[in-house]
């Protein structure tokens, strides 16, 4: 799953949360997306370390910032799903 697909999945889960359809999202779904995002984060960190060109490092760091933002969104969403499950 590419970065775009991971972001799309999180957006879909956020839409379901907004529509009070939290029961259709399991924590495992969000965990899978988070695992993929963390893997992408590790790859980007390795690429940044290996990169020689300043422009490439800047581009990779920009991507890394996006990935980290998505990880934060996913963690927040996971907390919301778990809170809703405990209320049920």
PDB file of N, CA and C in Angstrom:
ATOM      1  N   UNK A   1       0.856  -1.172   0.000  1.00  0.00           N
ATOM      2  CA  UNK A   1       0.000   0.000   0.000  1.00  0.00           C
ATOM      3  C   UNK A   1       0.897   1.227   0.000  1.00  0.00           C
ATOM      4  N   UNK A   2       0.663   2.117  -0.942  1.00  0.00           N
ATOM      5  CA  UNK A   2       1.443   3.332  -1.014  1.00  0.00           C
ATOM      6  C   UNK A   2       0.980   4.350   0.009  1.00  0.00           C
ATOM      7  N   UNK A   3       1.724   5.412   0.109  1.00  0.00           N
ATOM      8  CA  UNK A   3       1.404   6.464   1.069  1.00  0.00           C
ATOM      9  C   UNK A   3       0.025   7.057   0.785  1.00  0.00           C
ATOM     10  N   UNK A   4      -0.269   7.279  -0.475  1.00  0.00           N
ATOM     11  CA  UNK A   4      -1.573   7.838  -0.842  1.00  0.00           C
ATOM     12  C   UNK A   4      -2.726   6.958  -0.424  1.00  0.00           C
ATOM     13  N   UNK A   5      -2.569   5.663  -0.592  1.00  0.00           N
ATOM     14  CA  UNK A   5      -3.630   4.730  -0.204  1.00  0.00           C
ATOM     15  C   UNK A   5      -3.801   4.698   1.314  1.00  0.00           C
ATOM     16  N   UNK A   6      -2.691   4.784   2.033  1.00  0.00           N
ATOM     17  CA  UNK A   6      -2.773   4.809   3.499  1.00  0.00           C
ATOM     18  C   UNK A   6      -3.515   6.056   3.966  1.00  0.00           C
ATOM     19  N   UNK A   7      -3.210   7.188   3.349  1.00  0.00           N
ATOM     20  CA  UNK A   7      -3.888   8.434   3.701  1.00  0.00           C
ATOM     21  C   UNK A   7      -5.368   8.339   3.354  1.00  0.00           C
ATOM     22  N   UNK A   8      -5.682   7.750   2.198  1.00  0.00           N
ATOM     23  CA  UNK A   8      -7.086   7.576   1.806  1.00  0.00           C
ATOM     24  C   UNK A   8      -7.836   6.704   2.801  1.00  0.00           C
ATOM     25  N   UNK A   9      -7.192   5.639   3.267  1.00  0.00           N
ATOM     26  CA  UNK A   9      -7.837   4.767   4.257  1.00  0.00           C
ATOM     27  C   UNK A   9      -8.134   5.534   5.538  1.00  0.00           C
ATOM     28  N   UNK A  10      -7.142   6.302   6.017  1.00  0.00           N
ATOM     29  CA  UNK A  10      -7.360   7.094   7.231  1.00  0.00           C
ATOM     30  C   UNK A  10      -8.491   8.101   7.022  1.00  0.00           C
ATOM     31  N   UNK A  11      -8.521   8.738   5.854  1.00  0.00           N
ATOM     32  CA  UNK A  11      -9.599   9.683   5.556  1.00  0.00           C
ATOM     33  C   UNK A  11     -10.950   8.984   5.592  1.00  0.00           C
ATOM     34  N   UNK A  12     -11.017   7.774   5.044  1.00  0.00           N
ATOM     35  CA  UNK A  12     -12.256   7.001   5.055  1.00  0.00           C
ATOM     36  C   UNK A  12     -12.676   6.692   6.497  1.00  0.00           C
ATOM     37  N   UNK A  13     -11.718   6.311   7.324  1.00  0.00           N
ATOM     38  CA  UNK A  13     -12.023   6.016   8.723  1.00  0.00           C
ATOM     39  C   UNK A  13     -12.491   7.272   9.460  1.00  0.00           C
ATOM     40  N   UNK A  14     -11.890   8.415   9.155  1.00  0.00           N
ATOM     41  CA  UNK A  14     -12.321   9.675   9.756  1.00  0.00           C
ATOM     42  C   UNK A  14     -13.753  10.001   9.335  1.00  0.00           C
ATOM     43  N   UNK A  15     -14.084   9.754   8.069  1.00  0.00           N
ATOM     44  CA  UNK A  15     -15.452   9.981   7.599  1.00  0.00           C
ATOM     45  C   UNK A  15     -16.439   9.092   8.348  1.00  0.00           C
ATOM     46  N   UNK A  16     -16.071   7.854   8.537  1.00  0.00           N
ATOM     47  CA  UNK A  16     -16.949   6.931   9.279  1.00  0.00           C
ATOM     48  C   UNK A  16     -17.121   7.407  10.716  1.00  0.00           C
ATOM     49  N   UNK A  17     -16.054   7.903  11.317  1.00  0.00           N
ATOM     50  CA  UNK A  17     -16.129   8.414  12.678  1.00  0.00           C
ATOM     51  C   UNK A  17     -17.083   9.606  12.731  1.00  0.00           C
ATOM     52  N   UNK A  18     -17.000  10.495  11.750  1.00  0.00           N
ATOM     53  CA  UNK A  18     -17.863  11.673  11.702  1.00  0.00           C
ATOM     54  C   UNK A  18     -19.334  11.277  11.514  1.00  0.00           C
ATOM     55  N   UNK A  19     -19.572  10.154  10.853  1.00  0.00           N
ATOM     56  CA  UNK A  19     -20.937   9.682  10.603  1.00  0.00           C
ATOM     57  C   UNK A  19     -21.426   8.731  11.702  1.00  0.00           C
ATOM     58  N   UNK A  20     -20.685   8.659  12.799  1.00  0.00           N
ATOM     59  CA  UNK A  20     -21.024   7.769  13.919  1.00  0.00           C
ATOM     60  C   UNK A  20     -21.110   6.311  13.503  1.00  0.00           C
ATOM     61  N   UNK A  21     -20.239   5.898  12.592  1.00  0.00           N
ATOM     62  CA  UNK A  21     -20.175   4.505  12.155  1.00  0.00           C
ATOM     63  C   UNK A  21     -18.871   3.877  12.658  1.00  0.00           C
ATOM     64  N   UNK A  22     -18.535   4.180  13.894  1.00  0.00           N
ATOM     65  CA  UNK A  22     -17.285   3.700  14.478  1.00  0.00           C
ATOM     66  C   UNK A  22     -17.277   2.186  14.580  1.00  0.00           C
ATOM     67  N   UNK A  23     -18.424   1.589  14.750  1.00  0.00           N
ATOM     68  CA  UNK A  23     -18.479   0.137  14.911  1.00  0.00           C
ATOM     69  C   UNK A  23     -17.994  -0.608  13.669  1.00  0.00           C
ATOM     70  N   UNK A  24     -17.981   0.072  12.514  1.00  0.00           N
ATOM     71  CA  UNK A  24     -17.514  -0.566  11.292  1.00  0.00           C
ATOM     72  C   UNK A  24     -15.986  -0.531  11.163  1.00  0.00           C
ATOM     73  N   UNK A  25     -15.320   0.163  12.086  1.00  0.00           N
ATOM     74  CA  UNK A  25     -13.859   0.243  12.056  1.00  0.00           C
ATOM     75  C   UNK A  25     -13.329  -0.552  13.242  1.00  0.00           C
ATOM     76  N   UNK A  26     -12.473  -1.502  12.964  1.00  0.00           N
ATOM     77  CA  UNK A  26     -11.855  -2.232  14.067  1.00  0.00           C
ATOM     78  C   UNK A  26     -10.459  -1.661  14.315  1.00  0.00           C
ATOM     79  N   UNK A  27      -9.979  -1.757  15.537  1.00  0.00           N
ATOM     80  CA  UNK A  27      -8.623  -1.279  15.813  1.00  0.00           C
ATOM     81  C   UNK A  27      -7.577  -1.950  14.917  1.00  0.00           C
ATOM     82  N   UNK A  28      -7.835  -3.190  14.513  1.00  0.00           N
ATOM     83  CA  UNK A  28      -6.895  -3.892  13.631  1.00  0.00           C
ATOM     84  C   UNK A  28      -6.739  -3.181  12.289  1.00  0.00           C
ATOM     85  N   UNK A  29      -7.835  -2.610  11.779  1.00  0.00           N
ATOM     86  CA  UNK A  29      -7.773  -1.881  10.513  1.00  0.00           C
ATOM     87  C   UNK A  29      -6.800  -0.715  10.619  1.00  0.00           C
ATOM     88  N   UNK A  30      -6.940   0.045  11.684  1.00  0.00           N
ATOM     89  CA  UNK A  30      -6.084   1.219  11.881  1.00  0.00           C
ATOM     90  C   UNK A  30      -4.655   0.779  12.177  1.00  0.00           C
ATOM     91  N   UNK A  31      -4.500  -0.296  12.937  1.00  0.00           N
ATOM     92  CA  UNK A  31      -3.153  -0.807  13.234  1.00  0.00           C
ATOM     93  C   UNK A  31      -2.406  -1.181  11.960  1.00  0.00           C
ATOM     94  N   UNK A  32      -3.093  -1.789  11.013  1.00  0.00           N
ATOM     95  CA  UNK A  32      -2.453  -2.170   9.750  1.00  0.00           C
ATOM     96  C   UNK A  32      -1.934  -0.944   9.010  1.00  0.00           C
ATOM     97  N   UNK A  33      -2.736   0.101   8.982  1.00  0.00           N
ATOM     98  CA  UNK A  33      -2.320   1.337   8.315  1.00  0.00           C
ATOM     99  C   UNK A  33      -1.131   1.943   9.052  1.00  0.00           C
ATOM    100  N   UNK A  34      -1.178   1.933  10.393  1.00  0.00           N
ATOM    101  CA  UNK A  34      -0.079   2.499  11.179  1.00  0.00           C
ATOM    102  C   UNK A  34       1.222   1.720  10.961  1.00  0.00           C
ATOM    103  N   UNK A  35       1.137   0.409  10.853  1.00  0.00           N
ATOM    104  CA  UNK A  35       2.331  -0.398  10.601  1.00  0.00           C
ATOM    105  C   UNK A  35       2.954  -0.008   9.269  1.00  0.00           C
ATOM    106  N   UNK A  36       2.124   0.170   8.271  1.00  0.00           N
ATOM    107  CA  UNK A  36       2.632   0.546   6.947  1.00  0.00           C
ATOM    108  C   UNK A  36       3.227   1.949   6.966  1.00  0.00           C
ATOM    109  N   UNK A  37       2.598   2.853   7.690  1.00  0.00           N
ATOM    110  CA  UNK A  37       3.134   4.209   7.788  1.00  0.00           C
ATOM    111  C   UNK A  37       4.465   4.224   8.537  1.00  0.00           C
ATOM    112  N   UNK A  38       4.560   3.438   9.583  1.00  0.00           N
ATOM    113  CA  UNK A  38       5.829   3.377  10.334  1.00  0.00           C
ATOM    114  C   UNK A  38       6.939   2.753   9.490  1.00  0.00           C
ATOM    115  N   UNK A  39       6.579   1.799   8.657  1.00  0.00           N
ATOM    116  CA  UNK A  39       7.550   1.220   7.736  1.00  0.00           C
ATOM    117  C   UNK A  39       8.043   2.251   6.731  1.00  0.00           C
ATOM    118  N   UNK A  40       7.111   3.049   6.221  1.00  0.00           N
ATOM    119  CA  UNK A  40       7.466   4.115   5.285  1.00  0.00           C
ATOM    120  C   UNK A  40       8.359   5.150   5.975  1.00  0.00           C
ATOM    121  N   UNK A  41       8.058   5.432   7.238  1.00  0.00           N
ATOM    122  CA  UNK A  41       8.876   6.371   8.008  1.00  0.00           C
ATOM    123  C   UNK A  41      10.313   5.865   8.121  1.00  0.00           C
ATOM    124  N   UNK A  42      10.469   4.585   8.411  1.00  0.00           N
ATOM    125  CA  UNK A  42      11.810   3.994   8.535  1.00  0.00           C
ATOM    126  C   UNK A  42      12.554   4.048   7.202  1.00  0.00           C
ATOM    127  N   UNK A  43      11.856   3.762   6.112  1.00  0.00           N
ATOM    128  CA  UNK A  43      12.487   3.831   4.789  1.00  0.00           C
ATOM    129  C   UNK A  43      12.939   5.246   4.452  1.00  0.00           C
ATOM    130  N   UNK A  44      12.104   6.210   4.765  1.00  0.00           N
ATOM    131  CA  UNK A  44      12.464   7.600   4.482  1.00  0.00           C
ATOM    132  C   UNK A  44      13.666   8.044   5.318  1.00  0.00           C
ATOM    133  N   UNK A  45      13.695   7.633   6.579  1.00  0.00           N
ATOM    134  CA  UNK A  45      14.836   7.982   7.434  1.00  0.00           C
ATOM    135  C   UNK A  45      16.133   7.396   6.884  1.00  0.00           C
ATOM    136  N   UNK A  46      16.053   6.166   6.386  1.00  0.00           N
ATOM    137  CA  UNK A  46      17.237   5.533   5.799  1.00  0.00           C
ATOM    138  C   UNK A  46      17.657   6.252   4.521  1.00  0.00           C
ATOM    139  N   UNK A  47      16.684   6.631   3.700  1.00  0.00           N
ATOM    140  CA  UNK A  47      16.999   7.355   2.465  1.00  0.00           C
ATOM    141  C   UNK A  47      17.622   8.714   2.756  1.00  0.00           C
ATOM    142  N   UNK A  48      17.108   9.392   3.776  1.00  0.00           N
ATOM    143  CA  UNK A  48      17.656  10.698   4.144  1.00  0.00           C
ATOM    144  C   UNK A  48      19.100  10.547   4.591  1.00  0.00           C
ATOM    145  N   UNK A  49      19.369   9.510   5.366  1.00  0.00           N
ATOM    146  CA  UNK A  49      20.736   9.278   5.850  1.00  0.00           C
ATOM    147  C   UNK A  49      21.691   8.973   4.703  1.00  0.00           C
ATOM    148  N   UNK A  50      21.201   8.293   3.668  1.00  0.00           N
ATOM    149  CA  UNK A  50      22.043   7.917   2.532  1.00  0.00           C
ATOM    150  C   UNK A  50      22.155   9.010   1.475  1.00  0.00           C
ATOM    151  N   UNK A  51      21.265   9.983   1.526  1.00  0.00           N
ATOM    152  CA  UNK A  51      21.210  11.005   0.482  1.00  0.00           C
ATOM    153  C   UNK A  51      22.368  11.985   0.583  1.00  0.00           C
ATOM    154  N   UNK A  52      22.901  12.346  -0.571  1.00  0.00           N
ATOM    155  CA  UNK A  52      23.996  13.306  -0.646  1.00  0.00           C
ATOM    156  C   UNK A  52      23.506  14.701  -1.048  1.00  0.00           C
ATOM    157  N   UNK A  53      22.481  14.749  -1.878  1.00  0.00           N
ATOM    158  CA  UNK A  53      22.005  16.013  -2.427  1.00  0.00           C
ATOM    159  C   UNK A  53      21.053  16.711  -1.447  1.00  0.00           C
ATOM    160  N   UNK A  54      21.257  18.006  -1.293  1.00  0.00           N
ATOM    161  CA  UNK A  54      20.442  18.795  -0.378  1.00  0.00           C
ATOM    162  C   UNK A  54      18.984  18.819  -0.836  1.00  0.00           C
ATOM    163  N   UNK A  55      18.767  18.982  -2.125  1.00  0.00           N
ATOM    164  CA  UNK A  55      17.399  19.053  -2.647  1.00  0.00           C
ATOM    165  C   UNK A  55      16.646  17.745  -2.387  1.00  0.00           C
ATOM    166  N   UNK A  56      17.327  16.627  -2.556  1.00  0.00           N
ATOM    167  CA  UNK A  56      16.683  15.330  -2.321  1.00  0.00           C
ATOM    168  C   UNK A  56      16.366  15.166  -0.836  1.00  0.00           C
ATOM    169  N   UNK A  57      17.299  15.583   0.027  1.00  0.00           N
ATOM    170  CA  UNK A  57      17.044  15.495   1.471  1.00  0.00           C
ATOM    171  C   UNK A  57      15.833  16.322   1.862  1.00  0.00           C
ATOM    172  N   UNK A  58      15.723  17.528   1.300  1.00  0.00           N
ATOM    173  CA  UNK A  58      14.583  18.391   1.613  1.00  0.00           C
ATOM    174  C   UNK A  58      13.271  17.751   1.170  1.00  0.00           C
ATOM    175  N   UNK A  59      13.279  17.154  -0.019  1.00  0.00           N
ATOM    176  CA  UNK A  59      12.078  16.493  -0.536  1.00  0.00           C
ATOM    177  C   UNK A  59      11.695  15.310   0.350  1.00  0.00           C
ATOM    178  N   UNK A  60      12.688  14.520   0.739  1.00  0.00           N
ATOM    179  CA  UNK A  60      12.426  13.369   1.595  1.00  0.00           C
ATOM    180  C   UNK A  60      11.959  13.795   2.982  1.00  0.00           C
ATOM    181  N   UNK A  61      12.530  14.876   3.500  1.00  0.00           N
ATOM    182  CA  UNK A  61      12.103  15.373   4.811  1.00  0.00           C
ATOM    183  C   UNK A  61      10.671  15.892   4.767  1.00  0.00           C
ATOM    184  N   UNK A  62      10.289  16.449   3.630  1.00  0.00           N
ATOM    185  CA  UNK A  62       8.907  16.885   3.454  1.00  0.00           C
ATOM    186  C   UNK A  62       7.966  15.679   3.482  1.00  0.00           C
ATOM    187  N   UNK A  63       8.346  14.622   2.787  1.00  0.00           N
ATOM    188  CA  UNK A  63       7.546  13.391   2.800  1.00  0.00           C
ATOM    189  C   UNK A  63       7.487  12.804   4.210  1.00  0.00           C
ATOM    190  N   UNK A  64       8.603  12.856   4.911  1.00  0.00           N
ATOM    191  CA  UNK A  64       8.663  12.336   6.268  1.00  0.00           C
ATOM    192  C   UNK A  64       7.705  13.100   7.181  1.00  0.00           C
ATOM    193  N   UNK A  65       7.626  14.411   7.006  1.00  0.00           N
ATOM    194  CA  UNK A  65       6.701  15.212   7.810  1.00  0.00           C
ATOM    195  C   UNK A  65       5.254  14.790   7.556  1.00  0.00           C
ATOM    196  N   UNK A  66       4.928  14.506   6.302  1.00  0.00           N
ATOM    197  CA  UNK A  66       3.575  14.049   5.958  1.00  0.00           C
ATOM    198  C   UNK A  66       3.297  12.698   6.609  1.00  0.00           C
ATOM    199  N   UNK A  67       4.253  11.796   6.534  1.00  0.00           N
ATOM    200  CA  UNK A  67       4.074  10.466   7.125  1.00  0.00           C
ATOM    201  C   UNK A  67       3.876  10.577   8.636  1.00  0.00           C
ATOM    202  N   UNK A  68       4.674  11.404   9.275  1.00  0.00           N
ATOM    203  CA  UNK A  68       4.551  11.558  10.731  1.00  0.00           C
ATOM    204  C   UNK A  68       3.209  12.175  11.120  1.00  0.00           C
ATOM    205  N   UNK A  69       2.726  13.104  10.321  1.00  0.00           N
ATOM    206  CA  UNK A  69       1.411  13.693  10.573  1.00  0.00           C
ATOM    207  C   UNK A  69       0.324  12.628  10.454  1.00  0.00           C
ATOM    208  N   UNK A  70       0.441  11.761   9.463  1.00  0.00           N
ATOM    209  CA  UNK A  70      -0.537  10.693   9.274  1.00  0.00           C
ATOM    210  C   UNK A  70      -0.473   9.677  10.414  1.00  0.00           C
ATOM    211  N   UNK A  71       0.712   9.413  10.913  1.00  0.00           N
ATOM    212  CA  UNK A  71       0.851   8.510  12.062  1.00  0.00           C
ATOM    213  C   UNK A  71       0.133   9.103  13.275  1.00  0.00           C
ATOM    214  N   UNK A  72       0.301  10.399  13.496  1.00  0.00           N
ATOM    215  CA  UNK A  72      -0.391  11.055  14.609  1.00  0.00           C
ATOM    216  C   UNK A  72      -1.910  10.966  14.440  1.00  0.00           C
ATOM    217  N   UNK A  73      -2.379  11.193  13.198  1.00  0.00           N
ATOM    218  CA  UNK A  73      -3.820  11.081  12.923  1.00  0.00           C
ATOM    219  C   UNK A  73      -4.311   9.672  13.212  1.00  0.00           C
ATOM    220  N   UNK A  74      -3.543   8.685  12.794  1.00  0.00           N
ATOM    221  CA  UNK A  74      -3.925   7.298  13.010  1.00  0.00           C
ATOM    222  C   UNK A  74      -3.959   6.933  14.485  1.00  0.00           C
ATOM    223  N   UNK A  75      -2.993   7.428  15.241  1.00  0.00           N
ATOM    224  CA  UNK A  75      -2.966   7.135  16.678  1.00  0.00           C
ATOM    225  C   UNK A  75      -4.153   7.779  17.387  1.00  0.00           C
ATOM    226  N   UNK A  76      -4.489   9.007  16.979  1.00  0.00           N
ATOM    227  CA  UNK A  76      -5.646   9.672  17.569  1.00  0.00           C
ATOM    228  C   UNK A  76      -6.910   8.883  17.241  1.00  0.00           C
ATOM    229  N   UNK A  77      -7.040   8.490  15.986  1.00  0.00           N
ATOM    230  CA  UNK A  77      -8.207   7.730  15.547  1.00  0.00           C
ATOM    231  C   UNK A  77      -8.321   6.418  16.311  1.00  0.00           C
ATOM    232  N   UNK A  78      -7.209   5.749  16.495  1.00  0.00           N
ATOM    233  CA  UNK A  78      -7.202   4.493  17.245  1.00  0.00           C
ATOM    234  C   UNK A  78      -7.706   4.711  18.669  1.00  0.00           C
ATOM    235  N   UNK A  79      -7.278   5.793  19.291  1.00  0.00           N
ATOM    236  CA  UNK A  79      -7.763   6.128  20.635  1.00  0.00           C
ATOM    237  C   UNK A  79      -9.263   6.361  20.655  1.00  0.00           C
ATOM    238  N   UNK A  80      -9.774   7.047  19.636  1.00  0.00           N
ATOM    239  CA  UNK A  80     -11.212   7.306  19.553  1.00  0.00           C
ATOM    240  C   UNK A  80     -11.997   6.013  19.367  1.00  0.00           C
ATOM    241  N   UNK A  81     -11.480   5.128  18.542  1.00  0.00           N
ATOM    242  CA  UNK A  81     -12.163   3.851  18.297  1.00  0.00           C
ATOM    243  C   UNK A  81     -12.189   3.014  19.571  1.00  0.00           C
ATOM    244  N   UNK A  82     -11.065   2.964  20.262  1.00  0.00           N
ATOM    245  CA  UNK A  82     -11.000   2.185  21.494  1.00  0.00           C
ATOM    246  C   UNK A  82     -11.892   2.785  22.577  1.00  0.00           C
ATOM    247  N   UNK A  83     -11.969   4.113  22.628  1.00  0.00           N
ATOM    248  CA  UNK A  83     -12.860   4.772  23.609  1.00  0.00           C
ATOM    249  C   UNK A  83     -14.316   4.461  23.292  1.00  0.00           C
ATOM    250  N   UNK A  84     -14.667   4.492  22.013  1.00  0.00           N
ATOM    251  CA  UNK A  84     -16.050   4.196  21.626  1.00  0.00           C
ATOM    252  C   UNK A  84     -16.388   2.730  21.919  1.00  0.00           C
ATOM    253  N   UNK A  85     -15.419   1.850  21.729  1.00  0.00           N
ATOM    254  CA  UNK A  85     -15.658   0.418  21.992  1.00  0.00           C
ATOM    255  C   UNK A  85     -15.857   0.176  23.491  1.00  0.00           C
ATOM    256  N   UNK A  86     -15.119   0.908  24.315  1.00  0.00           N
ATOM    257  CA  UNK A  86     -15.257   0.713  25.757  1.00  0.00           C
ATOM    258  C   UNK A  86     -16.573   1.280  26.296  1.00  0.00           C
ATOM    259  N   UNK A  87     -17.147   2.244  25.581  1.00  0.00           N
ATOM    260  CA  UNK A  87     -18.431   2.816  25.981  1.00  0.00           C
ATOM    261  C   UNK A  87     -19.586   1.880  25.639  1.00  0.00           C
ATOM    262  N   UNK A  88     -19.389   1.040  24.659  1.00  0.00           N
ATOM    263  CA  UNK A  88     -20.479   0.141  24.219  1.00  0.00           C
ATOM    264  C   UNK A  88     -20.714  -0.986  25.171  1.00  0.00           C
TER     265      UNK A  88
END
